[in-house]
Amino acid sequence: MRKISVVPLIICHLLWVHNIASAQMKPVQATIVFIKGKAEVQRAGEKVWRPASLQMALYQGDRISTEKDADLEIRLDDGSIVKLKDRSFLELYAMEKQEQPLASIISLKLIWGKLLGCIKKLASKESKFELTTPTAVAGVRGTVFAVFPKGIAPN
């Protein structure tokens, strides 16, 4: 009878567990790259609004608001650009990625207002870019798009 060594089995099991753990999604940041007019950011879990500034990092759960005649551009981790027009309110609902296999999940919620996007082609079939509004949900795989709902922002 042949003896089977358990050491190779243990090593294989540890490598398999490590691969699963390393494939978990990790949060990413976005950056404000342009501001015209008054815009504010509310950090996830906070009640206080602070003035938006150039090169300000934005994270999952942050909310962005623009006043009348204001514009704000956000550069996402993959180089995509999202432009928030005046009197708009956006929540960065999910912003995560993993390295192996390469995948990202970006989910934005436009509560009200207008948004323009120039989204890079997604890295893999597992990647997802989603925009939700009060009346629609759109999945984007790499394109230029605009969302201009009929209603206006609340006062």
Foldseek 3Di string as FASTA:
>chain_A
DDDDDCVVVVVVVVVVVVVVVQQDKDWDKKFWADKDAWKWKDAAPGDDIDTDDGRDIHTAFMKMAAAPQMKIWIQAPVRKIKIFGHGWMKHFHGWIFGVVVGEIETEMETADGKMKIFFAAGPDPRYWYWYHYPVDIDTDRGGIDMDGDPDGHDD
